[in-house]
C-alpha atoms as a PDB file:
ATOM      1  CA  UNK A   1      31.551-111.082   2.848  1.00  0.00           C
ATOM      2  CA  UNK A   2      28.589-108.626   2.041  1.00  0.00           C
ATOM      3  CA  UNK A   3      28.465-107.320  -1.472  1.00  0.00           C
ATOM      4  CA  UNK A   4      27.970-103.404  -1.614  1.00  0.00           C
ATOM      5  CA  UNK A   5      26.492-101.901  -4.794  1.00  0.00           C
ATOM      6  CA  UNK A   6      26.413 -98.371  -6.309  1.00  0.00           C
ATOM      7  CA  UNK A   7      23.594 -96.740  -8.456  1.00  0.00           C
ATOM      8  CA  UNK A   8      22.726 -94.369 -10.065  1.00  0.00           C
ATOM      9  CA  UNK A   9      18.900 -94.383 -11.048  1.00  0.00           C
ATOM     10  CA  UNK A  10      17.778 -91.326 -13.559  1.00  0.00           C
ATOM     11  CA  UNK A  11      13.412 -91.072 -13.765  1.00  0.00           C
ATOM     12  CA  UNK A  12      12.192 -89.649 -16.722  1.00  0.00           C
ATOM     13  CA  UNK A  13       8.669 -89.144 -17.148  1.00  0.00           C
ATOM     14  CA  UNK A  14       6.574 -86.736 -20.024  1.00  0.00           C
ATOM     15  CA  UNK A  15       4.105 -84.209 -20.176  1.00  0.00           C
ATOM     16  CA  UNK A  16       1.041 -84.193 -21.531  1.00  0.00           C
ATOM     17  CA  UNK A  17       2.810 -82.662 -24.428  1.00  0.00           C
ATOM     18  CA  UNK A  18       5.146 -85.691 -25.165  1.00  0.00           C
ATOM     19  CA  UNK A  19       8.261 -83.522 -24.017  1.00  0.00           C
ATOM     20  CA  UNK A  20      10.161 -85.258 -21.353  1.00  0.00           C
ATOM     21  CA  UNK A  21      11.976 -84.355 -18.285  1.00  0.00           C
ATOM     22  CA  UNK A  22      14.217 -84.977 -15.330  1.00  0.00           C
ATOM     23  CA  UNK A  23      12.802 -85.249 -12.388  1.00  0.00           C
ATOM     24  CA  UNK A  24      14.926 -87.007  -9.384  1.00  0.00           C
ATOM     25  CA  UNK A  25      18.459 -88.214  -9.125  1.00  0.00           C
ATOM     26  CA  UNK A  26      18.927 -90.808  -6.704  1.00  0.00           C
ATOM     27  CA  UNK A  27      22.431 -92.442  -5.537  1.00  0.00           C
ATOM     28  CA  UNK A  28      22.769 -95.084  -3.309  1.00  0.00           C
ATOM     29  CA  UNK A  29      25.012 -97.058  -1.771  1.00  0.00           C
ATOM     30  CA  UNK A  30      23.975-100.398  -0.394  1.00  0.00           C
ATOM     31  CA  UNK A  31      24.670-103.734   1.663  1.00  0.00           C
ATOM     32  CA  UNK A  32      23.081-106.656  -0.288  1.00  0.00           C
ATOM     33  CA  UNK A  33      21.027-108.140   2.486  1.00  0.00           C
ATOM     34  CA  UNK A  34      17.724-109.545   2.535  1.00  0.00           C
ATOM     35  CA  UNK A  35      16.407-106.149   3.622  1.00  0.00           C
ATOM     36  CA  UNK A  36      17.732-104.382   1.079  1.00  0.00           C
ATOM     37  CA  UNK A  37      15.888-106.404  -1.540  1.00  0.00           C
ATOM     38  CA  UNK A  38      12.896-105.902  -0.109  1.00  0.00           C
ATOM     39  CA  UNK A  39      13.205-102.295   0.626  1.00  0.00           C
ATOM     40  CA  UNK A  40      14.704-102.230  -3.421  1.00  0.00           C
ATOM     41  CA  UNK A  41      11.428-104.106  -4.516  1.00  0.00           C
ATOM     42  CA  UNK A  42       9.368-102.004  -2.798  1.00  0.00           C
ATOM     43  CA  UNK A  43      11.108 -99.187  -3.486  1.00  0.00           C
ATOM     44  CA  UNK A  44      11.323 -99.804  -7.595  1.00  0.00           C
ATOM     45  CA  UNK A  45       6.838-100.242  -7.066  1.00  0.00           C
ATOM     46  CA  UNK A  46       6.480 -96.530  -5.650  1.00  0.00           C
ATOM     47  CA  UNK A  47       8.316 -95.749  -8.916  1.00  0.00           C
ATOM     48  CA  UNK A  48       6.761 -97.768 -11.196  1.00  0.00           C
ATOM     49  CA  UNK A  49       3.129 -95.856  -9.573  1.00  0.00           C
ATOM     50  CA  UNK A  50       4.534 -91.922  -9.654  1.00  0.00           C
ATOM     51  CA  UNK A  51       5.867 -93.510 -13.662  1.00  0.00           C
ATOM     52  CA  UNK A  52       2.293 -94.669 -14.208  1.00  0.00           C
ATOM     53  CA  UNK A  53       0.703 -90.881 -12.758  1.00  0.00           C
ATOM     54  CA  UNK A  54       2.824 -89.066 -14.478  1.00  0.00           C
ATOM     55  CA  UNK A  55       1.946 -90.229 -17.758  1.00  0.00           C
ATOM     56  CA  UNK A  56      -1.313 -90.035 -17.217  1.00  0.00           C
ATOM     57  CA  UNK A  57      -4.116 -88.238 -19.114  1.00  0.00           C
ATOM     58  CA  UNK A  58      -5.591 -85.279 -17.278  1.00  0.00           C
ATOM     59  CA  UNK A  59      -8.980 -84.090 -18.486  1.00  0.00           C
ATOM     60  CA  UNK A  60     -10.267 -81.083 -18.232  1.00  0.00           C
ATOM     61  CA  UNK A  61     -14.084 -81.060 -15.916  1.00  0.00           C
ATOM     62  CA  UNK A  62     -16.135 -80.405 -19.221  1.00  0.00           C
ATOM     63  CA  UNK A  63     -14.611 -83.799 -20.715  1.00  0.00           C
ATOM     64  CA  UNK A  64     -14.682 -87.252 -19.630  1.00  0.00           C
ATOM     65  CA  UNK A  65     -11.689 -89.606 -19.350  1.00  0.00           C
ATOM     66  CA  UNK A  66     -12.193 -92.845 -22.247  1.00  0.00           C
ATOM     67  CA  UNK A  67      -9.720 -95.579 -21.216  1.00  0.00           C
ATOM     68  CA  UNK A  68      -7.736 -97.453 -23.587  1.00  0.00           C
ATOM     69  CA  UNK A  69      -9.199 -99.931 -25.447  1.00  0.00           C
ATOM     70  CA  UNK A  70      -9.433-101.704 -28.626  1.00  0.00           C
ATOM     71  CA  UNK A  71     -12.444-100.709 -30.959  1.00  0.00           C
ATOM     72  CA  UNK A  72     -13.605-104.066 -33.026  1.00  0.00           C
ATOM     73  CA  UNK A  73     -14.049-103.882 -36.984  1.00  0.00           C
ATOM     74  CA  UNK A  74     -17.051-101.834 -38.014  1.00  0.00           C
ATOM     75  CA  UNK A  75     -18.802 -99.628 -40.588  1.00  0.00           C
ATOM     76  CA  UNK A  76     -18.533 -95.840 -40.459  1.00  0.00           C
ATOM     77  CA  UNK A  77     -20.569 -93.435 -43.608  1.00  0.00           C
ATOM     78  CA  UNK A  78     -20.258 -96.689 -46.146  1.00  0.00           C
ATOM     79  CA  UNK A  79     -16.409 -97.506 -45.585  1.00  0.00           C
ATOM     80  CA  UNK A  80     -15.344-100.827 -43.772  1.00  0.00           C
ATOM     81  CA  UNK A  81     -13.129 -99.529 -40.801  1.00  0.00           C
ATOM     82  CA  UNK A  82     -10.500-102.792 -39.016  1.00  0.00           C
ATOM     83  CA  UNK A  83     -10.073-103.524 -35.840  1.00  0.00           C
ATOM     84  CA  UNK A  84      -7.972-101.317 -34.031  1.00  0.00           C
ATOM     85  CA  UNK A  85      -6.783 -99.762 -30.513  1.00  0.00           C
ATOM     86  CA  UNK A  86      -8.165 -96.278 -29.200  1.00  0.00           C
ATOM     87  CA  UNK A  87      -5.006 -94.873 -26.782  1.00  0.00           C
ATOM     88  CA  UNK A  88      -6.341 -93.357 -23.150  1.00  0.00           C
ATOM     89  CA  UNK A  89      -7.934 -90.166 -24.365  1.00  0.00           C
ATOM     90  CA  UNK A  90     -10.643 -86.863 -23.200  1.00  0.00           C
ATOM     91  CA  UNK A  91     -13.539 -86.822 -25.091  1.00  0.00           C
ATOM     92  CA  UNK A  92     -16.586 -84.193 -24.361  1.00  0.00           C
ATOM     93  CA  UNK A  93     -19.526 -84.480 -22.040  1.00  0.00           C
ATOM     94  CA  UNK A  94     -21.342 -82.512 -24.212  1.00  0.00           C
ATOM     95  CA  UNK A  95     -21.287 -81.593 -27.720  1.00  0.00           C
ATOM     96  CA  UNK A  96     -18.584 -78.974 -29.418  1.00  0.00           C
ATOM     97  CA  UNK A  97     -17.889 -78.940 -25.259  1.00  0.00           C
ATOM     98  CA  UNK A  98     -14.351 -77.836 -26.415  1.00  0.00           C
ATOM     99  CA  UNK A  99     -15.603 -74.941 -28.344  1.00  0.00           C
ATOM    100  CA  UNK A 100     -17.971 -73.285 -26.738  1.00  0.00           C
ATOM    101  CA  UNK A 101     -16.279 -73.347 -23.296  1.00  0.00           C
ATOM    102  CA  UNK A 102     -13.374 -70.635 -25.122  1.00  0.00           C
ATOM    103  CA  UNK A 103     -16.638 -68.517 -25.584  1.00  0.00           C
ATOM    104  CA  UNK A 104     -17.913 -67.890 -22.422  1.00  0.00           C
ATOM    105  CA  UNK A 105     -15.681 -64.947 -21.524  1.00  0.00           C
ATOM    106  CA  UNK A 106     -15.487 -63.355 -17.898  1.00  0.00           C
ATOM    107  CA  UNK A 107     -14.882 -59.773 -19.542  1.00  0.00           C
ATOM    108  CA  UNK A 108     -15.255 -58.049 -22.454  1.00  0.00           C
ATOM    109  CA  UNK A 109     -13.333 -58.336 -25.285  1.00  0.00           C
ATOM    110  CA  UNK A 110     -10.776 -55.294 -26.304  1.00  0.00           C
ATOM    111  CA  UNK A 111     -12.984 -52.446 -27.914  1.00  0.00           C
ATOM    112  CA  UNK A 112     -16.290 -53.903 -26.771  1.00  0.00           C
ATOM    113  CA  UNK A 113     -18.840 -52.157 -24.172  1.00  0.00           C
ATOM    114  CA  UNK A 114     -21.607 -53.056 -22.856  1.00  0.00           C
ATOM    115  CA  UNK A 115     -24.819 -51.108 -20.649  1.00  0.00           C
ATOM    116  CA  UNK A 116     -24.630 -54.000 -18.314  1.00  0.00           C
ATOM    117  CA  UNK A 117     -21.909 -55.216 -15.619  1.00  0.00           C
ATOM    118  CA  UNK A 118     -20.124 -58.292 -17.153  1.00  0.00           C
ATOM    119  CA  UNK A 119     -19.060 -60.603 -13.686  1.00  0.00           C
ATOM    120  CA  UNK A 120     -17.482 -64.264 -14.055  1.00  0.00           C
ATOM    121  CA  UNK A 121     -19.308 -67.585 -15.110  1.00  0.00           C
ATOM    122  CA  UNK A 122     -19.364 -70.049 -12.024  1.00  0.00           C
ATOM    123  CA  UNK A 123     -19.281 -73.681 -13.133  1.00  0.00           C
ATOM    124  CA  UNK A 124     -22.528 -75.053 -12.846  1.00  0.00           C
ATOM    125  CA  UNK A 125     -23.861 -71.338 -15.074  1.00  0.00           C
ATOM    126  CA  UNK A 126     -20.831 -72.921 -17.528  1.00  0.00           C
ATOM    127  CA  UNK A 127     -22.408 -76.649 -17.311  1.00  0.00           C
ATOM    128  CA  UNK A 128     -26.075 -75.590 -17.922  1.00  0.00           C
ATOM    129  CA  UNK A 129     -24.937 -73.309 -20.564  1.00  0.00           C
ATOM    130  CA  UNK A 130     -22.680 -75.516 -22.485  1.00  0.00           C
ATOM    131  CA  UNK A 131     -25.467 -78.670 -22.003  1.00  0.00           C
ATOM    132  CA  UNK A 132     -27.976 -76.360 -22.985  1.00  0.00           C
ATOM    133  CA  UNK A 133     -25.980 -75.096 -26.626  1.00  0.00           C
ATOM    134  CA  UNK A 134     -24.679 -78.894 -27.371  1.00  0.00           C
ATOM    135  CA  UNK A 135     -28.973 -78.946 -28.036  1.00  0.00           C
ATOM    136  CA  UNK A 136     -29.855 -76.283 -30.465  1.00  0.00           C
ATOM    137  CA  UNK A 137     -28.824 -76.972 -33.763  1.00  0.00           C
ATOM    138  CA  UNK A 138     -26.263 -75.515 -35.689  1.00  0.00           C
ATOM    139  CA  UNK A 139     -28.781 -73.770 -38.564  1.00  0.00           C
ATOM    140  CA  UNK A 140     -29.162 -71.305 -35.638  1.00  0.00           C
ATOM    141  CA  UNK A 141     -25.018 -70.001 -35.700  1.00  0.00           C
ATOM    142  CA  UNK A 142     -24.680 -71.145 -31.965  1.00  0.00           C
ATOM    143  CA  UNK A 143     -20.653 -70.652 -32.327  1.00  0.00           C
ATOM    144  CA  UNK A 144     -20.585 -67.270 -33.846  1.00  0.00           C
ATOM    145  CA  UNK A 145     -21.505 -65.539 -30.446  1.00  0.00           C
ATOM    146  CA  UNK A 146     -19.448 -64.945 -26.793  1.00  0.00           C
ATOM    147  CA  UNK A 147     -21.116 -65.718 -24.146  1.00  0.00           C
ATOM    148  CA  UNK A 148     -21.181 -62.910 -20.711  1.00  0.00           C
ATOM    149  CA  UNK A 149     -22.851 -63.308 -17.635  1.00  0.00           C
ATOM    150  CA  UNK A 150     -24.283 -60.241 -16.283  1.00  0.00           C
ATOM    151  CA  UNK A 151     -26.959 -59.959 -12.787  1.00  0.00           C
ATOM    152  CA  UNK A 152     -30.049 -58.238 -14.324  1.00  0.00           C
ATOM    153  CA  UNK A 153     -31.405 -56.397 -17.287  1.00  0.00           C
ATOM    154  CA  UNK A 154     -32.714 -52.729 -17.892  1.00  0.00           C
ATOM    155  CA  UNK A 155     -36.152 -54.371 -18.661  1.00  0.00           C
ATOM    156  CA  UNK A 156     -37.302 -55.847 -15.798  1.00  0.00           C
ATOM    157  CA  UNK A 157     -38.218 -60.347 -15.824  1.00  0.00           C
ATOM    158  CA  UNK A 158     -34.980 -59.929 -18.925  1.00  0.00           C
ATOM    159  CA  UNK A 159     -33.163 -63.228 -19.436  1.00  0.00           C
ATOM    160  CA  UNK A 160     -31.412 -62.486 -21.738  1.00  0.00           C
ATOM    161  CA  UNK A 161     -30.304 -59.565 -24.682  1.00  0.00           C
ATOM    162  CA  UNK A 162     -28.125 -59.328 -27.586  1.00  0.00           C
ATOM    163  CA  UNK A 163     -25.140 -57.071 -29.471  1.00  0.00           C
ATOM    164  CA  UNK A 164     -25.754 -57.947 -33.332  1.00  0.00           C
ATOM    165  CA  UNK A 165     -22.401 -56.022 -34.362  1.00  0.00           C
ATOM    166  CA  UNK A 166     -19.995 -57.563 -31.782  1.00  0.00           C
ATOM    167  CA  UNK A 167     -21.930 -60.654 -31.782  1.00  0.00           C
ATOM    168  CA  UNK A 168     -21.871 -60.676 -27.755  1.00  0.00           C
ATOM    169  CA  UNK A 169     -25.349 -62.615 -25.964  1.00  0.00           C
ATOM    170  CA  UNK A 170     -25.410 -61.707 -22.451  1.00  0.00           C
ATOM    171  CA  UNK A 171     -27.445 -64.078 -20.162  1.00  0.00           C
ATOM    172  CA  UNK A 172     -28.898 -62.653 -16.701  1.00  0.00           C
ATOM    173  CA  UNK A 173     -30.015 -64.638 -13.917  1.00  0.00           C
ATOM    174  CA  UNK A 174     -33.188 -64.859 -14.852  1.00  0.00           C
ATOM    175  CA  UNK A 175     -31.888 -66.859 -17.282  1.00  0.00           C
ATOM    176  CA  UNK A 176     -30.670 -70.290 -15.355  1.00  0.00           C
ATOM    177  CA  UNK A 177     -33.595 -70.132 -13.404  1.00  0.00           C
ATOM    178  CA  UNK A 178     -35.850 -70.248 -16.614  1.00  0.00           C
ATOM    179  CA  UNK A 179     -37.326 -73.850 -18.043  1.00  0.00           C
ATOM    180  CA  UNK A 180     -36.701 -72.644 -21.192  1.00  0.00           C
ATOM    181  CA  UNK A 181     -33.099 -71.769 -22.015  1.00  0.00           C
ATOM    182  CA  UNK A 182     -32.999 -73.431 -25.203  1.00  0.00           C
ATOM    183  CA  UNK A 183     -35.853 -71.495 -26.783  1.00  0.00           C
ATOM    184  CA  UNK A 184     -34.180 -67.798 -24.918  1.00  0.00           C
ATOM    185  CA  UNK A 185     -30.754 -68.782 -27.170  1.00  0.00           C
ATOM    186  CA  UNK A 186     -32.542 -69.554 -29.807  1.00  0.00           C
ATOM    187  CA  UNK A 187     -35.132 -66.407 -29.684  1.00  0.00           C
ATOM    188  CA  UNK A 188     -31.875 -64.027 -29.505  1.00  0.00           C
ATOM    189  CA  UNK A 189     -29.667 -66.106 -31.752  1.00  0.00           C
ATOM    190  CA  UNK A 190     -32.841 -64.791 -34.351  1.00  0.00           C
ATOM    191  CA  UNK A 191     -31.890 -61.519 -33.897  1.00  0.00           C
ATOM    192  CA  UNK A 192     -28.753 -62.219 -35.521  1.00  0.00           C
ATOM    193  CA  UNK A 193     -29.744 -64.071 -37.950  1.00  0.00           C
ATOM    194  CA  UNK A 194     -32.347 -61.321 -39.226  1.00  0.00           C
ATOM    195  CA  UNK A 195     -29.761 -58.553 -39.383  1.00  0.00           C
ATOM    196  CA  UNK A 196     -28.019 -61.000 -42.028  1.00  0.00           C
ATOM    197  CA  UNK A 197     -30.887 -60.890 -44.400  1.00  0.00           C
ATOM    198  CA  UNK A 198     -30.956 -59.156 -46.982  1.00  0.00           C
ATOM    199  CA  UNK A 199     -33.739 -55.902 -47.478  1.00  0.00           C
ATOM    200  CA  UNK A 200     -36.334 -58.215 -50.154  1.00  0.00           C
ATOM    201  CA  UNK A 201     -35.679 -61.443 -47.389  1.00  0.00           C
ATOM    202  CA  UNK A 202     -36.463 -58.762 -44.434  1.00  0.00           C
ATOM    203  CA  UNK A 203     -40.116 -57.906 -46.491  1.00  0.00           C
ATOM    204  CA  UNK A 204     -40.605 -61.124 -47.319  1.00  0.00           C
ATOM    205  CA  UNK A 205     -40.040 -62.607 -43.348  1.00  0.00           C
ATOM    206  CA  UNK A 206     -42.312 -59.690 -41.933  1.00  0.00           C
ATOM    207  CA  UNK A 207     -44.967 -60.455 -44.492  1.00  0.00           C
ATOM    208  CA  UNK A 208     -45.117 -63.691 -43.706  1.00  0.00           C
ATOM    209  CA  UNK A 209     -44.785 -63.859 -40.323  1.00  0.00           C
ATOM    210  CA  UNK A 210     -47.688 -61.392 -40.384  1.00  0.00           C
END
């Protein structure tokens, strides 16, 4: 006599926030034959692969995935750090990319107006600006701005402009053809930094720069 088995399989997964959710409920009644056992092994292998994929971390395009690994004992900032494990995680491809990506705006903030027509960022342009911003020293306060895209300036050939009052920097098409992108951004930031100087400091600056 062949043995009959009835089973219920409840599959639970976790999203990236660690919240559990039920993804499937299976009720099956099978006769336990060699073919049945073979099919069941394949079934559970597929379930394992499904759960592994469900638990995998999904990184953004400006990030790279770092697999889980063990870090050996080392010295960090003058302190001895013991060996420890690191979970799978996402790492920024460029310095402060997680922060700066939020500063790239496709349309003006509420209450902000420009004479230029603003358009959406393309991925390639976003990648170029993230690389450039990562190379600029913090003293130039690039984190203080919102960055916008526009076709061209009213001033012929101008690659960028800044609205110091709203701390908005607009980059034109010519910016992305320039070889000195870093210098352009630093120059525009200089306008904002100059406005922050006191009257006396401005006079000293002008005297020093001739």
